[in-house]
């Protein structure tokens, strides 16, 4: 088990990019192959939005993150991974007038 200060540093590392950049939806930090820390915005940003919610998760990786762990292990990257994985918002399709 990691020291609480190390998890707190990982939480800080995933929350700060989300607060600094509005084009990022999720940030993930891999501490071990079976332990990740991620922060995710809940909902979508809009013009009339008055509040924003963020979820911070510490625990086992989901399916997509397990696939990333396999790639990292195959590339022989040491854990904890120094870089934070960032995922942008999905591009919405523009409505075309017919």
C-alpha atoms as a PDB file:
ATOM      1  CA  UNK A   1       0.000   0.000   0.000  1.00  0.00           C
ATOM      2  CA  UNK A   2       1.189   3.477  -0.829  1.00  0.00           C
ATOM      3  CA  UNK A   3       1.767   6.162   1.753  1.00  0.00           C
ATOM      4  CA  UNK A   4      -1.208   8.592   1.973  1.00  0.00           C
ATOM      5  CA  UNK A   5       1.008  11.513   0.959  1.00  0.00           C
ATOM      6  CA  UNK A   6       1.897   9.714  -2.293  1.00  0.00           C
ATOM      7  CA  UNK A   7      -1.798   9.228  -3.096  1.00  0.00           C
ATOM      8  CA  UNK A   8      -2.436  12.878  -2.194  1.00  0.00           C
ATOM      9  CA  UNK A   9       0.318  13.933  -4.624  1.00  0.00           C
ATOM     10  CA  UNK A  10      -1.261  11.766  -7.331  1.00  0.00           C
ATOM     11  CA  UNK A  11      -4.668  13.335  -6.622  1.00  0.00           C
ATOM     12  CA  UNK A  12      -3.134  16.784  -6.962  1.00  0.00           C
ATOM     13  CA  UNK A  13      -1.484  15.707 -10.221  1.00  0.00           C
ATOM     14  CA  UNK A  14      -4.819  14.645 -11.766  1.00  0.00           C
ATOM     15  CA  UNK A  15      -7.016  17.474 -10.450  1.00  0.00           C
ATOM     16  CA  UNK A  16      -4.768  20.396 -11.439  1.00  0.00           C
ATOM     17  CA  UNK A  17      -4.840  19.762 -15.232  1.00  0.00           C
ATOM     18  CA  UNK A  18      -8.631  19.609 -15.153  1.00  0.00           C
ATOM     19  CA  UNK A  19      -8.869  22.919 -13.341  1.00  0.00           C
ATOM     20  CA  UNK A  20      -6.319  24.589 -15.619  1.00  0.00           C
ATOM     21  CA  UNK A  21      -7.679  23.408 -18.982  1.00  0.00           C
ATOM     22  CA  UNK A  22     -11.331  23.298 -19.997  1.00  0.00           C
ATOM     23  CA  UNK A  23     -10.777  20.997 -22.990  1.00  0.00           C
ATOM     24  CA  UNK A  24      -9.791  18.017 -20.789  1.00  0.00           C
ATOM     25  CA  UNK A  25     -12.477  15.670 -19.418  1.00  0.00           C
ATOM     26  CA  UNK A  26     -10.450  13.017 -17.570  1.00  0.00           C
ATOM     27  CA  UNK A  27      -6.953  12.735 -16.106  1.00  0.00           C
ATOM     28  CA  UNK A  28      -5.481   9.395 -14.999  1.00  0.00           C
ATOM     29  CA  UNK A  29      -2.327   8.562 -13.052  1.00  0.00           C
ATOM     30  CA  UNK A  30      -1.092   4.964 -12.889  1.00  0.00           C
ATOM     31  CA  UNK A  31       0.527   4.182  -9.530  1.00  0.00           C
ATOM     32  CA  UNK A  32       0.651   0.388  -9.917  1.00  0.00           C
ATOM     33  CA  UNK A  33      -0.784  -2.017 -12.469  1.00  0.00           C
ATOM     34  CA  UNK A  34      -3.719  -2.542 -10.092  1.00  0.00           C
ATOM     35  CA  UNK A  35      -4.046   1.008  -8.673  1.00  0.00           C
ATOM     36  CA  UNK A  36      -4.980   4.203 -10.506  1.00  0.00           C
ATOM     37  CA  UNK A  37      -6.028   7.689  -9.472  1.00  0.00           C
ATOM     38  CA  UNK A  38      -8.321   9.547 -11.842  1.00  0.00           C
ATOM     39  CA  UNK A  39     -10.356  12.730 -11.864  1.00  0.00           C
ATOM     40  CA  UNK A  40     -13.349  13.197 -14.154  1.00  0.00           C
ATOM     41  CA  UNK A  41     -15.713  16.082 -14.826  1.00  0.00           C
ATOM     42  CA  UNK A  42     -19.373  15.143 -14.387  1.00  0.00           C
ATOM     43  CA  UNK A  43     -21.808  16.533 -16.948  1.00  0.00           C
ATOM     44  CA  UNK A  44     -21.110  18.948 -19.759  1.00  0.00           C
ATOM     45  CA  UNK A  45     -20.111  22.568 -19.711  1.00  0.00           C
ATOM     46  CA  UNK A  46     -22.651  25.037 -20.995  1.00  0.00           C
ATOM     47  CA  UNK A  47     -23.286  28.745 -21.132  1.00  0.00           C
ATOM     48  CA  UNK A  48     -25.862  28.640 -18.338  1.00  0.00           C
ATOM     49  CA  UNK A  49     -23.933  26.337 -16.034  1.00  0.00           C
ATOM     50  CA  UNK A  50     -23.496  27.702 -12.523  1.00  0.00           C
ATOM     51  CA  UNK A  51     -21.608  24.841 -10.922  1.00  0.00           C
ATOM     52  CA  UNK A  52     -19.276  22.061 -11.985  1.00  0.00           C
ATOM     53  CA  UNK A  53     -18.806  18.671 -10.352  1.00  0.00           C
ATOM     54  CA  UNK A  54     -15.676  16.544 -10.400  1.00  0.00           C
ATOM     55  CA  UNK A  55     -15.258  12.943  -9.257  1.00  0.00           C
ATOM     56  CA  UNK A  56     -11.883  11.713  -7.990  1.00  0.00           C
ATOM     57  CA  UNK A  57     -11.475   7.930  -7.964  1.00  0.00           C
ATOM     58  CA  UNK A  58      -8.744   5.878  -6.297  1.00  0.00           C
ATOM     59  CA  UNK A  59      -8.872   2.174  -7.029  1.00  0.00           C
ATOM     60  CA  UNK A  60      -8.646  -0.564  -9.607  1.00  0.00           C
ATOM     61  CA  UNK A  61      -8.439   0.370 -13.289  1.00  0.00           C
ATOM     62  CA  UNK A  62     -11.422   0.004 -15.591  1.00  0.00           C
ATOM     63  CA  UNK A  63     -11.338  -1.872 -18.903  1.00  0.00           C
ATOM     64  CA  UNK A  64      -9.718   0.882 -20.971  1.00  0.00           C
ATOM     65  CA  UNK A  65      -7.165   1.579 -18.249  1.00  0.00           C
ATOM     66  CA  UNK A  66      -6.301  -2.137 -17.984  1.00  0.00           C
ATOM     67  CA  UNK A  67      -5.567  -2.107 -21.715  1.00  0.00           C
ATOM     68  CA  UNK A  68      -3.287   0.906 -21.152  1.00  0.00           C
ATOM     69  CA  UNK A  69      -1.545  -0.959 -18.300  1.00  0.00           C
ATOM     70  CA  UNK A  70      -0.873  -3.893 -20.644  1.00  0.00           C
ATOM     71  CA  UNK A  71       0.698  -1.531 -23.165  1.00  0.00           C
ATOM     72  CA  UNK A  72       2.805   0.119 -20.445  1.00  0.00           C
ATOM     73  CA  UNK A  73       4.001  -3.250 -19.129  1.00  0.00           C
ATOM     74  CA  UNK A  74       4.840  -4.411 -22.643  1.00  0.00           C
ATOM     75  CA  UNK A  75       6.851  -1.210 -23.183  1.00  0.00           C
ATOM     76  CA  UNK A  76       8.584  -1.878 -19.815  1.00  0.00           C
ATOM     77  CA  UNK A  77       7.608   1.481 -18.337  1.00  0.00           C
ATOM     78  CA  UNK A  78       8.297   1.637 -14.590  1.00  0.00           C
ATOM     79  CA  UNK A  79       5.434   2.191 -12.172  1.00  0.00           C
ATOM     80  CA  UNK A  80       4.365   4.698 -10.935  1.00  0.00           C
ATOM     81  CA  UNK A  81       4.167   6.298 -14.384  1.00  0.00           C
ATOM     82  CA  UNK A  82       5.383   9.885 -14.236  1.00  0.00           C
ATOM     83  CA  UNK A  83       3.069  11.280 -16.926  1.00  0.00           C
ATOM     84  CA  UNK A  84      -0.629  11.865 -16.363  1.00  0.00           C
ATOM     85  CA  UNK A  85      -2.923  10.464 -19.036  1.00  0.00           C
ATOM     86  CA  UNK A  86      -5.342  13.116 -20.318  1.00  0.00           C
ATOM     87  CA  UNK A  87      -8.552  12.529 -22.249  1.00  0.00           C
ATOM     88  CA  UNK A  88     -10.315  15.342 -24.072  1.00  0.00           C
ATOM     89  CA  UNK A  89     -14.033  15.942 -24.413  1.00  0.00           C
ATOM     90  CA  UNK A  90     -15.717  14.079 -27.265  1.00  0.00           C
ATOM     91  CA  UNK A  91     -16.228  16.103 -30.394  1.00  0.00           C
ATOM     92  CA  UNK A  92     -19.949  16.720 -30.865  1.00  0.00           C
ATOM     93  CA  UNK A  93     -21.419  16.451 -34.315  1.00  0.00           C
ATOM     94  CA  UNK A  94     -22.583  19.715 -35.771  1.00  0.00           C
ATOM     95  CA  UNK A  95     -26.196  19.873 -36.864  1.00  0.00           C
ATOM     96  CA  UNK A  96     -26.605  20.625 -40.499  1.00  0.00           C
ATOM     97  CA  UNK A  97     -29.731  22.307 -41.733  1.00  0.00           C
ATOM     98  CA  UNK A  98     -31.382  20.302 -44.485  1.00  0.00           C
END
